[in-house]
Amino acid sequence: MAKLDIWKCRVQQGYAASFRNLDSALADSNSDSELKQLIIIPLSDLKAEFIRYFPDIDDKCEAWKFIRNPFQCEVADVAEEVQEEFLELRPSCLPSDLISGSSDSNNVWIHISM
């Protein structure tokens, strides 16, 4: 959702370098143009819809940290209702640890698939 906020702010400022054609169109239009409103309103609606559809998601919530990097997260950091699923997803060890201790990389991938 942070990207939606950034895009909305950039369009309001008349800057959209990530989108070359849009950037040139915004540069050619006035500051309160209808084009800006045609872009800003759907971005705001999309953000509101994300919040409505996913009301429990908080970007800074530690309980969702495992989604960003499951390898650096402990079971205690995960929300109780998803701890069992987290354990099923979490590998017993990192592939890099297996590779460093093995001379045959084929055996490493066989071990991971088990």
PDB file of N, CA and C in Angstrom:
ATOM      1  N   MET A   1       0.814  -1.179   0.000  1.00  0.00           N
ATOM      2  CA  MET A   1       0.000   0.000   0.000  1.00  0.00           C
ATOM      3  C   MET A   1       0.867   1.257   0.000  1.00  0.00           C
ATOM      4  N   ALA A   2       2.100   1.108   0.423  1.00  0.00           N
ATOM      5  CA  ALA A   2       2.995   2.259   0.434  1.00  0.00           C
ATOM      6  C   ALA A   2       3.221   2.770  -0.987  1.00  0.00           C
ATOM      7  N   LYS A   3       3.279   1.842  -1.940  1.00  0.00           N
ATOM      8  CA  LYS A   3       3.460   2.263  -3.336  1.00  0.00           C
ATOM      9  C   LYS A   3       2.263   3.069  -3.834  1.00  0.00           C
ATOM     10  N   LEU A   4       1.074   2.679  -3.423  1.00  0.00           N
ATOM     11  CA  LEU A   4      -0.111   3.442  -3.815  1.00  0.00           C
ATOM     12  C   LEU A   4      -0.024   4.872  -3.301  1.00  0.00           C
ATOM     13  N   ASP A   5       0.436   5.021  -2.057  1.00  0.00           N
ATOM     14  CA  ASP A   5       0.601   6.361  -1.485  1.00  0.00           C
ATOM     15  C   ASP A   5       1.652   7.164  -2.244  1.00  0.00           C
ATOM     16  N   ILE A   6       2.748   6.510  -2.589  1.00  0.00           N
ATOM     17  CA  ILE A   6       3.813   7.195  -3.344  1.00  0.00           C
ATOM     18  C   ILE A   6       3.300   7.621  -4.710  1.00  0.00           C
ATOM     19  N   TRP A   7       2.630   6.716  -5.415  1.00  0.00           N
ATOM     20  CA  TRP A   7       2.128   7.051  -6.754  1.00  0.00           C
ATOM     21  C   TRP A   7       1.120   8.193  -6.681  1.00  0.00           C
ATOM     22  N   LYS A   8       0.252   8.141  -5.687  1.00  0.00           N
ATOM     23  CA  LYS A   8      -0.752   9.190  -5.534  1.00  0.00           C
ATOM     24  C   LYS A   8      -0.074  10.541  -5.287  1.00  0.00           C
ATOM     25  N   CYS A   9       0.898  10.568  -4.398  1.00  0.00           N
ATOM     26  CA  CYS A   9       1.630  11.801  -4.094  1.00  0.00           C
ATOM     27  C   CYS A   9       2.360  12.328  -5.326  1.00  0.00           C
ATOM     28  N   ARG A  10       2.987  11.427  -6.062  1.00  0.00           N
ATOM     29  CA  ARG A  10       3.722  11.846  -7.264  1.00  0.00           C
ATOM     30  C   ARG A  10       2.787  12.424  -8.323  1.00  0.00           C
ATOM     31  N   VAL A  11       1.642  11.810  -8.505  1.00  0.00           N
ATOM     32  CA  VAL A  11       0.682  12.315  -9.490  1.00  0.00           C
ATOM     33  C   VAL A  11       0.182  13.684  -9.059  1.00  0.00           C
ATOM     34  N   GLN A  12      -0.087  13.865  -7.767  1.00  0.00           N
ATOM     35  CA  GLN A  12      -0.534  15.164  -7.269  1.00  0.00           C
ATOM     36  C   GLN A  12       0.515  16.247  -7.536  1.00  0.00           C
ATOM     37  N   GLN A  13       1.791  15.858  -7.482  1.00  0.00           N
ATOM     38  CA  GLN A  13       2.878  16.799  -7.733  1.00  0.00           C
ATOM     39  C   GLN A  13       3.185  16.947  -9.225  1.00  0.00           C
ATOM     40  N   GLY A  14       2.528  16.125 -10.045  1.00  0.00           N
ATOM     41  CA  GLY A  14       2.762  16.185 -11.485  1.00  0.00           C
ATOM     42  C   GLY A  14       4.031  15.471 -11.912  1.00  0.00           C
ATOM     43  N   TYR A  15       4.449  14.503 -11.123  1.00  0.00           N
ATOM     44  CA  TYR A  15       5.689  13.771 -11.386  1.00  0.00           C
ATOM     45  C   TYR A  15       5.387  12.281 -11.433  1.00  0.00           C
ATOM     46  N   ALA A  16       5.681  11.650 -12.554  1.00  0.00           N
ATOM     47  CA  ALA A  16       5.463  10.205 -12.694  1.00  0.00           C
ATOM     48  C   ALA A  16       6.545   9.625 -13.592  1.00  0.00           C
ATOM     49  N   ALA A  17       7.795   9.823 -13.215  1.00  0.00           N
ATOM     50  CA  ALA A  17       8.926   9.400 -14.046  1.00  0.00           C
ATOM     51  C   ALA A  17       8.935   7.898 -14.320  1.00  0.00           C
ATOM     52  N   SER A  18       8.341   7.122 -13.431  1.00  0.00           N
ATOM     53  CA  SER A  18       8.288   5.672 -13.640  1.00  0.00           C
ATOM     54  C   SER A  18       7.442   5.306 -14.856  1.00  0.00           C
ATOM     55  N   PHE A  19       6.558   6.210 -15.226  1.00  0.00           N
ATOM     56  CA  PHE A  19       5.654   5.999 -16.351  1.00  0.00           C
ATOM     57  C   PHE A  19       5.875   7.148 -17.338  1.00  0.00           C
ATOM     58  N   ARG A  20       6.736   6.931 -18.309  1.00  0.00           N
ATOM     59  CA  ARG A  20       7.199   7.991 -19.208  1.00  0.00           C
ATOM     60  C   ARG A  20       6.067   8.746 -19.900  1.00  0.00           C
ATOM     61  N   ASN A  21       5.118   8.033 -20.484  1.00  0.00           N
ATOM     62  CA  ASN A  21       4.008   8.698 -21.189  1.00  0.00           C
ATOM     63  C   ASN A  21       3.129   9.488 -20.225  1.00  0.00           C
ATOM     64  N   LEU A  22       2.869   8.923 -19.069  1.00  0.00           N
ATOM     65  CA  LEU A  22       2.070   9.627 -18.073  1.00  0.00           C
ATOM     66  C   LEU A  22       2.810  10.866 -17.577  1.00  0.00           C
ATOM     67  N   ASP A  23       4.105  10.740 -17.371  1.00  0.00           N
ATOM     68  CA  ASP A  23       4.898  11.876 -16.902  1.00  0.00           C
ATOM     69  C   ASP A  23       4.822  13.037 -17.885  1.00  0.00           C
ATOM     70  N   SER A  24       4.949  12.735 -19.162  1.00  0.00           N
ATOM     71  CA  SER A  24       4.878  13.818 -20.155  1.00  0.00           C
ATOM     72  C   SER A  24       3.461  14.388 -20.242  1.00  0.00           C
ATOM     73  N   ALA A  25       2.440  13.560 -20.085  1.00  0.00           N
ATOM     74  CA  ALA A  25       1.057  14.051 -20.104  1.00  0.00           C
ATOM     75  C   ALA A  25       0.783  14.948 -18.897  1.00  0.00           C
ATOM     76  N   LEU A  26       1.316  14.565 -17.732  1.00  0.00           N
ATOM     77  CA  LEU A  26       1.134  15.389 -16.546  1.00  0.00           C
ATOM     78  C   LEU A  26       1.886  16.708 -16.653  1.00  0.00           C
ATOM     79  N   ALA A  27       3.042  16.675 -17.278  1.00  0.00           N
ATOM     80  CA  ALA A  27       3.824  17.896 -17.458  1.00  0.00           C
ATOM     81  C   ALA A  27       3.100  18.875 -18.376  1.00  0.00           C
ATOM     82  N   ASP A  28       2.368  18.348 -19.347  1.00  0.00           N
ATOM     83  CA  ASP A  28       1.644  19.188 -20.293  1.00  0.00           C
ATOM     84  C   ASP A  28       0.339  19.742 -19.722  1.00  0.00           C
ATOM     85  N   SER A  29      -0.199  19.112 -18.674  1.00  0.00           N
ATOM     86  CA  SER A  29      -1.492  19.550 -18.130  1.00  0.00           C
ATOM     87  C   SER A  29      -1.277  20.534 -16.982  1.00  0.00           C
ATOM     88  N   ASN A  30      -2.353  21.214 -16.595  1.00  0.00           N
ATOM     89  CA  ASN A  30      -2.247  22.163 -15.485  1.00  0.00           C
ATOM     90  C   ASN A  30      -2.269  21.427 -14.146  1.00  0.00           C
ATOM     91  N   SER A  31      -2.027  22.160 -13.048  1.00  0.00           N
ATOM     92  CA  SER A  31      -1.856  21.540 -11.737  1.00  0.00           C
ATOM     93  C   SER A  31      -3.109  20.867 -11.192  1.00  0.00           C
ATOM     94  N   ASP A  32      -4.278  21.321 -11.523  1.00  0.00           N
ATOM     95  CA  ASP A  32      -5.524  20.711 -11.040  1.00  0.00           C
ATOM     96  C   ASP A  32      -6.269  20.005 -12.170  1.00  0.00           C
ATOM     97  N   SER A  33      -5.538  19.364 -13.020  1.00  0.00           N
ATOM     98  CA  SER A  33      -6.143  18.786 -14.213  1.00  0.00           C
ATOM     99  C   SER A  33      -7.069  17.612 -13.922  1.00  0.00           C
ATOM    100  N   GLU A  34      -7.941  17.396 -14.841  1.00  0.00           N
ATOM    101  CA  GLU A  34      -8.870  16.271 -14.759  1.00  0.00           C
ATOM    102  C   GLU A  34      -8.104  14.954 -14.853  1.00  0.00           C
ATOM    103  N   LEU A  35      -7.002  14.942 -15.590  1.00  0.00           N
ATOM    104  CA  LEU A  35      -6.178  13.742 -15.730  1.00  0.00           C
ATOM    105  C   LEU A  35      -5.664  13.277 -14.367  1.00  0.00           C
ATOM    106  N   LYS A  36      -5.191  14.212 -13.549  1.00  0.00           N
ATOM    107  CA  LYS A  36      -4.706  13.850 -12.216  1.00  0.00           C
ATOM    108  C   LYS A  36      -5.822  13.212 -11.395  1.00  0.00           C
ATOM    109  N   GLN A  37      -7.003  13.783 -11.475  1.00  0.00           N
ATOM    110  CA  GLN A  37      -8.132  13.239 -10.714  1.00  0.00           C
ATOM    111  C   GLN A  37      -8.529  11.855 -11.218  1.00  0.00           C
ATOM    112  N   LEU A  38      -8.390  11.645 -12.531  1.00  0.00           N
ATOM    113  CA  LEU A  38      -8.707  10.331 -13.100  1.00  0.00           C
ATOM    114  C   LEU A  38      -7.730   9.257 -12.617  1.00  0.00           C
ATOM    115  N   ILE A  39      -6.574   9.672 -12.149  1.00  0.00           N
ATOM    116  CA  ILE A  39      -5.573   8.727 -11.640  1.00  0.00           C
ATOM    117  C   ILE A  39      -5.664   8.613 -10.122  1.00  0.00           C
ATOM    118  N   ILE A  40      -5.779   9.740  -9.439  1.00  0.00           N
ATOM    119  CA  ILE A  40      -5.760   9.770  -7.972  1.00  0.00           C
ATOM    120  C   ILE A  40      -6.969   9.064  -7.367  1.00  0.00           C
ATOM    121  N   ILE A  41      -8.145   9.284  -7.915  1.00  0.00           N
ATOM    122  CA  ILE A  41      -9.364   8.682  -7.351  1.00  0.00           C
ATOM    123  C   ILE A  41      -9.307   7.151  -7.371  1.00  0.00           C
ATOM    124  N   PRO A  42      -8.948   6.507  -8.495  1.00  0.00           N
ATOM    125  CA  PRO A  42      -8.850   5.039  -8.460  1.00  0.00           C
ATOM    126  C   PRO A  42      -7.750   4.523  -7.525  1.00  0.00           C
ATOM    127  N   LEU A  43      -6.646   5.262  -7.397  1.00  0.00           N
ATOM    128  CA  LEU A  43      -5.604   4.839  -6.457  1.00  0.00           C
ATOM    129  C   LEU A  43      -6.122   4.880  -5.022  1.00  0.00           C
ATOM    130  N   SER A  44      -6.866   5.927  -4.693  1.00  0.00           N
ATOM    131  CA  SER A  44      -7.465   6.029  -3.355  1.00  0.00           C
ATOM    132  C   SER A  44      -8.501   4.933  -3.137  1.00  0.00           C
ATOM    133  N   ASP A  45      -9.305   4.660  -4.146  1.00  0.00           N
ATOM    134  CA  ASP A  45     -10.315   3.602  -4.055  1.00  0.00           C
ATOM    135  C   ASP A  45      -9.666   2.227  -3.887  1.00  0.00           C
ATOM    136  N   LEU A  46      -8.563   2.010  -4.601  1.00  0.00           N
ATOM    137  CA  LEU A  46      -7.857   0.735  -4.511  1.00  0.00           C
ATOM    138  C   LEU A  46      -7.291   0.530  -3.103  1.00  0.00           C
ATOM    139  N   LYS A  47      -6.715   1.576  -2.540  1.00  0.00           N
ATOM    140  CA  LYS A  47      -6.191   1.479  -1.173  1.00  0.00           C
ATOM    141  C   LYS A  47      -7.321   1.185  -0.187  1.00  0.00           C
ATOM    142  N   ALA A  48      -8.429   1.883  -0.328  1.00  0.00           N
ATOM    143  CA  ALA A  48      -9.572   1.642   0.558  1.00  0.00           C
ATOM    144  C   ALA A  48     -10.078   0.207   0.423  1.00  0.00           C
ATOM    145  N   GLU A  49     -10.069  -0.312  -0.779  1.00  0.00           N
ATOM    146  CA  GLU A  49     -10.522  -1.687  -1.011  1.00  0.00           C
ATOM    147  C   GLU A  49      -9.554  -2.696  -0.386  1.00  0.00           C
ATOM    148  N   PHE A  50      -8.256  -2.435  -0.481  1.00  0.00           N
ATOM    149  CA  PHE A  50      -7.274  -3.305   0.183  1.00  0.00           C
ATOM    150  C   PHE A  50      -7.511  -3.319   1.692  1.00  0.00           C
ATOM    151  N   ILE A  51      -7.737  -2.156   2.268  1.00  0.00           N
ATOM    152  CA  ILE A  51      -7.964  -2.055   3.710  1.00  0.00           C
ATOM    153  C   ILE A  51      -9.255  -2.772   4.092  1.00  0.00           C
ATOM    154  N   ARG A  52     -10.280  -2.649   3.271  1.00  0.00           N
ATOM    155  CA  ARG A  52     -11.542  -3.338   3.549  1.00  0.00           C
ATOM    156  C   ARG A  52     -11.388  -4.854   3.434  1.00  0.00           C
ATOM    157  N   TYR A  53     -10.648  -5.294   2.415  1.00  0.00           N
ATOM    158  CA  TYR A  53     -10.507  -6.722   2.159  1.00  0.00           C
ATOM    159  C   TYR A  53      -9.548  -7.394   3.146  1.00  0.00           C
ATOM    160  N   PHE A  54      -8.506  -6.663   3.562  1.00  0.00           N
ATOM    161  CA  PHE A  54      -7.511  -7.191   4.503  1.00  0.00           C
ATOM    162  C   PHE A  54      -7.454  -6.299   5.745  1.00  0.00           C
ATOM    163  N   PRO A  55      -8.498  -6.294   6.580  1.00  0.00           N
ATOM    164  CA  PRO A  55      -8.542  -5.360   7.707  1.00  0.00           C
ATOM    165  C   PRO A  55      -7.524  -5.649   8.807  1.00  0.00           C
ATOM    166  N   ASP A  56      -7.071  -6.890   8.918  1.00  0.00           N
ATOM    167  CA  ASP A  56      -6.185  -7.266  10.022  1.00  0.00           C
ATOM    168  C   ASP A  56      -4.708  -7.076   9.718  1.00  0.00           C
ATOM    169  N   ILE A  57      -4.386  -6.705   8.506  1.00  0.00           N
ATOM    170  CA  ILE A  57      -2.983  -6.582   8.125  1.00  0.00           C
ATOM    171  C   ILE A  57      -2.446  -5.230   8.570  1.00  0.00           C
ATOM    172  N   ASP A  58      -1.375  -5.294   9.345  1.00  0.00           N
ATOM    173  CA  ASP A  58      -0.663  -4.095   9.780  1.00  0.00           C
ATOM    174  C   ASP A  58       0.781  -4.270   9.331  1.00  0.00           C
ATOM    175  N   ASP A  59       1.276  -3.356   8.514  1.00  0.00           N
ATOM    176  CA  ASP A  59       2.626  -3.469   7.957  1.00  0.00           C
ATOM    177  C   ASP A  59       3.707  -3.614   9.024  1.00  0.00           C
ATOM    178  N   LYS A  60       3.505  -3.014  10.167  1.00  0.00           N
ATOM    179  CA  LYS A  60       4.530  -3.005  11.199  1.00  0.00           C
ATOM    180  C   LYS A  60       4.322  -4.087  12.258  1.00  0.00           C
ATOM    181  N   CYS A  61       3.304  -4.900  12.097  1.00  0.00           N
ATOM    182  CA  CYS A  61       2.980  -5.943  13.060  1.00  0.00           C
ATOM    183  C   CYS A  61       4.022  -7.062  13.013  1.00  0.00           C
ATOM    184  N   GLU A  62       4.590  -7.379  14.168  1.00  0.00           N
ATOM    185  CA  GLU A  62       5.610  -8.421  14.246  1.00  0.00           C
ATOM    186  C   GLU A  62       5.050  -9.804  13.900  1.00  0.00           C
ATOM    187  N   ALA A  63       3.759 -10.010  14.113  1.00  0.00           N
ATOM    188  CA  ALA A  63       3.158 -11.319  13.849  1.00  0.00           C
ATOM    189  C   ALA A  63       3.204 -11.687  12.369  1.00  0.00           C
ATOM    190  N   TRP A  64       3.350 -10.698  11.492  1.00  0.00           N
ATOM    191  CA  TRP A  64       3.395 -10.968  10.050  1.00  0.00           C
ATOM    192  C   TRP A  64       4.816 -10.905   9.503  1.00  0.00           C
ATOM    193  N   LYS A  65       5.807 -10.807  10.366  1.00  0.00           N
ATOM    194  CA  LYS A  65       7.214 -10.710   9.962  1.00  0.00           C
ATOM    195  C   LYS A  65       7.658 -11.936   9.156  1.00  0.00           C
ATOM    196  N   PHE A  66       7.090 -13.092   9.458  1.00  0.00           N
ATOM    197  CA  PHE A  66       7.500 -14.324   8.777  1.00  0.00           C
ATOM    198  C   PHE A  66       7.196 -14.295   7.279  1.00  0.00           C
ATOM    199  N   ILE A  67       6.258 -13.470   6.866  1.00  0.00           N
ATOM    200  CA  ILE A  67       5.926 -13.387   5.449  1.00  0.00           C
ATOM    201  C   ILE A  67       7.078 -12.759   4.669  1.00  0.00           C
ATOM    202  N   ARG A  68       7.716 -11.758   5.275  1.00  0.00           N
ATOM    203  CA  ARG A  68       8.836 -11.079   4.617  1.00  0.00           C
ATOM    204  C   ARG A  68      10.070 -11.965   4.553  1.00  0.00           C
ATOM    205  N   ASN A  69      10.378 -12.693   5.653  1.00  0.00           N
ATOM    206  CA  ASN A  69      11.552 -13.550   5.671  1.00  0.00           C
ATOM    207  C   ASN A  69      11.348 -14.678   6.673  1.00  0.00           C
ATOM    208  N   PRO A  70      10.831 -15.812   6.222  1.00  0.00           N
ATOM    209  CA  PRO A  70      10.554 -16.917   7.150  1.00  0.00           C
ATOM    210  C   PRO A  70      11.811 -17.545   7.745  1.00  0.00           C
ATOM    211  N   PHE A  71      12.972 -17.318   7.125  1.00  0.00           N
ATOM    212  CA  PHE A  71      14.207 -17.913   7.621  1.00  0.00           C
ATOM    213  C   PHE A  71      14.733 -17.197   8.864  1.00  0.00           C
ATOM    214  N   GLN A  72      14.327 -15.962   9.077  1.00  0.00           N
ATOM    215  CA  GLN A  72      14.823 -15.211  10.230  1.00  0.00           C
ATOM    216  C   GLN A  72      13.704 -14.931  11.230  1.00  0.00           C
ATOM    217  N   CYS A  73      12.816 -15.862  11.369  1.00  0.00           N
ATOM    218  CA  CYS A  73      11.671 -15.671  12.251  1.00  0.00           C
ATOM    219  C   CYS A  73      11.519 -16.899  13.135  1.00  0.00           C
ATOM    220  N   GLU A  74      11.189 -16.664  14.389  1.00  0.00           N
ATOM    221  CA  GLU A  74      10.958 -17.748  15.334  1.00  0.00           C
ATOM    222  C   GLU A  74       9.463 -18.012  15.456  1.00  0.00           C
ATOM    223  N   VAL A  75       9.100 -19.202  15.857  1.00  0.00           N
ATOM    224  CA  VAL A  75       7.700 -19.596  15.983  1.00  0.00           C
ATOM    225  C   VAL A  75       6.964 -18.666  16.947  1.00  0.00           C
ATOM    226  N   ALA A  76       7.637 -18.237  18.007  1.00  0.00           N
ATOM    227  CA  ALA A  76       7.005 -17.356  18.991  1.00  0.00           C
ATOM    228  C   ALA A  76       6.630 -15.999  18.398  1.00  0.00           C
ATOM    229  N   ASP A  77       7.301 -15.601  17.309  1.00  0.00           N
ATOM    230  CA  ASP A  77       7.023 -14.314  16.665  1.00  0.00           C
ATOM    231  C   ASP A  77       5.789 -14.365  15.767  1.00  0.00           C
ATOM    232  N   VAL A  78       5.315 -15.562  15.472  1.00  0.00           N
ATOM    233  CA  VAL A  78       4.210 -15.753  14.535  1.00  0.00           C
ATOM    234  C   VAL A  78       2.880 -15.784  15.302  1.00  0.00           C
ATOM    235  N   ALA A  79       1.843 -15.240  14.700  1.00  0.00           N
ATOM    236  CA  ALA A  79       0.518 -15.263  15.316  1.00  0.00           C
ATOM    237  C   ALA A  79       0.114 -16.701  15.632  1.00  0.00           C
ATOM    238  N   GLU A  80      -0.516 -16.910  16.762  1.00  0.00           N
ATOM    239  CA  GLU A  80      -0.866 -18.251  17.227  1.00  0.00           C
ATOM    240  C   GLU A  80      -1.662 -19.063  16.217  1.00  0.00           C
ATOM    241  N   GLU A  81      -2.592 -18.401  15.530  1.00  0.00           N
ATOM    242  CA  GLU A  81      -3.470 -19.134  14.612  1.00  0.00           C
ATOM    243  C   GLU A  81      -2.748 -19.670  13.370  1.00  0.00           C
ATOM    244  N   VAL A  82      -1.519 -19.227  13.112  1.00  0.00           N
ATOM    245  CA  VAL A  82      -0.791 -19.719  11.935  1.00  0.00           C
ATOM    246  C   VAL A  82       0.538 -20.378  12.295  1.00  0.00           C
ATOM    247  N   GLN A  83       0.784 -20.630  13.571  1.00  0.00           N
ATOM    248  CA  GLN A  83       2.059 -21.223  13.981  1.00  0.00           C
ATOM    249  C   GLN A  83       2.286 -22.608  13.397  1.00  0.00           C
ATOM    250  N   GLU A  84       1.259 -23.447  13.369  1.00  0.00           N
ATOM    251  CA  GLU A  84       1.431 -24.800  12.829  1.00  0.00           C
ATOM    252  C   GLU A  84       1.757 -24.768  11.341  1.00  0.00           C
ATOM    253  N   GLU A  85       1.057 -23.921  10.606  1.00  0.00           N
ATOM    254  CA  GLU A  85       1.337 -23.791   9.171  1.00  0.00           C
ATOM    255  C   GLU A  85       2.734 -23.242   8.941  1.00  0.00           C
ATOM    256  N   PHE A  86       3.156 -22.319   9.802  1.00  0.00           N
ATOM    257  CA  PHE A  86       4.500 -21.753   9.698  1.00  0.00           C
ATOM    258  C   PHE A  86       5.547 -22.850   9.869  1.00  0.00           C
ATOM    259  N   LEU A  87       5.342 -23.731  10.835  1.00  0.00           N
ATOM    260  CA  LEU A  87       6.300 -24.817  11.055  1.00  0.00           C
ATOM    261  C   LEU A  87       6.383 -25.747   9.858  1.00  0.00           C
ATOM    262  N   GLU A  88       5.263 -25.954   9.171  1.00  0.00           N
ATOM    263  CA  GLU A  88       5.278 -26.801   7.985  1.00  0.00           C
ATOM    264  C   GLU A  88       6.037 -26.148   6.831  1.00  0.00           C
ATOM    265  N   LEU A  89       5.965 -24.828   6.741  1.00  0.00           N
ATOM    266  CA  LEU A  89       6.652 -24.107   5.671  1.00  0.00           C
ATOM    267  C   LEU A  89       8.134 -23.923   5.946  1.00  0.00           C
ATOM    268  N   ARG A  90       8.456 -23.814   7.200  1.00  0.00           N
ATOM    269  CA  ARG A  90       9.830 -23.508   7.590  1.00  0.00           C
ATOM    270  C   ARG A  90      10.717 -24.729   7.410  1.00  0.00           C
ATOM    271  N   PRO A  91      11.844 -24.583   6.731  1.00  0.00           N
ATOM    272  CA  PRO A  91      12.749 -25.723   6.551  1.00  0.00           C
ATOM    273  C   PRO A  91      13.476 -26.036   7.851  1.00  0.00           C
ATOM    274  N   SER A  92      13.938 -27.275   7.982  1.00  0.00           N
ATOM    275  CA  SER A  92      14.660 -27.658   9.196  1.00  0.00           C
ATOM    276  C   SER A  92      16.051 -27.014   9.226  1.00  0.00           C
ATOM    277  N   CYS A  93      16.574 -26.657   8.052  1.00  0.00           N
ATOM    278  CA  CYS A  93      17.838 -25.945   7.982  1.00  0.00           C
ATOM    279  C   CYS A  93      17.904 -25.184   6.660  1.00  0.00           C
ATOM    280  N   LEU A  94      18.806 -24.252   6.579  1.00  0.00           N
ATOM    281  CA  LEU A  94      18.948 -23.444   5.372  1.00  0.00           C
ATOM    282  C   LEU A  94      19.737 -24.207   4.306  1.00  0.00           C
ATOM    283  N   PRO A  95      19.387 -24.062   3.035  1.00  0.00           N
ATOM    284  CA  PRO A  95      20.152 -24.713   1.972  1.00  0.00           C
ATOM    285  C   PRO A  95      21.637 -24.355   2.010  1.00  0.00           C
ATOM    286  N   SER A  96      21.966 -23.128   2.360  1.00  0.00           N
ATOM    287  CA  SER A  96      23.374 -22.726   2.407  1.00  0.00           C
ATOM    288  C   SER A  96      24.140 -23.527   3.460  1.00  0.00           C
ATOM    289  N   ASP A  97      23.473 -23.890   4.577  1.00  0.00           N
ATOM    290  CA  ASP A  97      24.119 -24.707   5.601  1.00  0.00           C
ATOM    291  C   ASP A  97      24.388 -26.110   5.082  1.00  0.00           C
ATOM    292  N   LEU A  98      23.457 -26.649   4.313  1.00  0.00           N
ATOM    293  CA  LEU A  98      23.636 -27.993   3.760  1.00  0.00           C
ATOM    294  C   LEU A  98      24.737 -28.020   2.716  1.00  0.00           C
ATOM    295  N   ILE A  99      24.783 -26.990   1.889  1.00  0.00           N
ATOM    296  CA  ILE A  99      25.790 -26.946   0.821  1.00  0.00           C
ATOM    297  C   ILE A  99      27.191 -26.826   1.396  1.00  0.00           C
ATOM    298  N   SER A 100      27.352 -26.019   2.428  1.00  0.00           N
ATOM    299  CA  SER A 100      28.681 -25.823   3.009  1.00  0.00           C
ATOM    300  C   SER A 100      29.215 -27.105   3.649  1.00  0.00           C
ATOM    301  N   GLY A 101      28.330 -27.992   4.075  1.00  0.00           N
ATOM    302  CA  GLY A 101      28.765 -29.226   4.713  1.00  0.00           C
ATOM    303  C   GLY A 101      28.777 -30.433   3.799  1.00  0.00           C
ATOM    304  N   SER A 102      28.512 -30.228   2.512  1.00  0.00           N
ATOM    305  CA  SER A 102      28.427 -31.356   1.585  1.00  0.00           C
ATOM    306  C   SER A 102      29.255 -31.095   0.343  1.00  0.00           C
ATOM    307  N   SER A 103      29.883 -32.135  -0.155  1.00  0.00           N
ATOM    308  CA  SER A 103      30.668 -31.982  -1.377  1.00  0.00           C
ATOM    309  C   SER A 103      29.820 -32.260  -2.614  1.00  0.00           C
ATOM    310  N   ASP A 104      28.663 -32.869  -2.433  1.00  0.00           N
ATOM    311  CA  ASP A 104      27.788 -33.212  -3.550  1.00  0.00           C
ATOM    312  C   ASP A 104      26.486 -32.417  -3.460  1.00  0.00           C
ATOM    313  N   SER A 105      26.330 -31.412  -4.326  1.00  0.00           N
ATOM    314  CA  SER A 105      25.136 -30.553  -4.263  1.00  0.00           C
ATOM    315  C   SER A 105      23.857 -31.306  -4.619  1.00  0.00           C
ATOM    316  N   ASN A 106      23.931 -32.403  -5.368  1.00  0.00           N
ATOM    317  CA  ASN A 106      22.733 -33.179  -5.688  1.00  0.00           C
ATOM    318  C   ASN A 106      22.098 -33.756  -4.426  1.00  0.00           C
ATOM    319  N   ASN A 107      22.912 -34.222  -3.502  1.00  0.00           N
ATOM    320  CA  ASN A 107      22.391 -34.771  -2.249  1.00  0.00           C
ATOM    321  C   ASN A 107      21.706 -33.696  -1.415  1.00  0.00           C
ATOM    322  N   VAL A 108      22.193 -32.469  -1.536  1.00  0.00           N
ATOM    323  CA  VAL A 108      21.581 -31.367  -0.802  1.00  0.00           C
ATOM    324  C   VAL A 108      20.128 -31.209  -1.224  1.00  0.00           C
ATOM    325  N   TRP A 109      19.863 -31.193  -2.524  1.00  0.00           N
ATOM    326  CA  TRP A 109      18.493 -30.979  -3.006  1.00  0.00           C
ATOM    327  C   TRP A 109      17.606 -32.181  -2.719  1.00  0.00           C
ATOM    328  N   ILE A 110      18.173 -33.375  -2.684  1.00  0.00           N
ATOM    329  CA  ILE A 110      17.398 -34.551  -2.293  1.00  0.00           C
ATOM    330  C   ILE A 110      16.983 -34.422  -0.837  1.00  0.00           C
ATOM    331  N   HIS A 111      17.896 -33.958   0.001  1.00  0.00           N
ATOM    332  CA  HIS A 111      17.589 -33.789   1.420  1.00  0.00           C
ATOM    333  C   HIS A 111      16.523 -32.721   1.625  1.00  0.00           C
ATOM    334  N   ILE A 112      16.576 -31.645   0.881  1.00  0.00           N
ATOM    335  CA  ILE A 112      15.600 -30.566   1.010  1.00  0.00           C
ATOM    336  C   ILE A 112      14.209 -31.037   0.586  1.00  0.00           C
ATOM    337  N   SER A 113      14.132 -31.870  -0.465  1.00  0.00           N
ATOM    338  CA  SER A 113      12.832 -32.312  -0.947  1.00  0.00           C
ATOM    339  C   SER A 113      12.142 -33.265   0.012  1.00  0.00           C
ATOM    340  N   MET A 114      12.858 -33.858   0.928  1.00  0.00           N
ATOM    341  CA  MET A 114      12.263 -34.788   1.907  1.00  0.00           C
ATOM    342  C   MET A 114      11.603 -33.983   2.931  1.00  0.00           C
TER     343      MET A 114
END
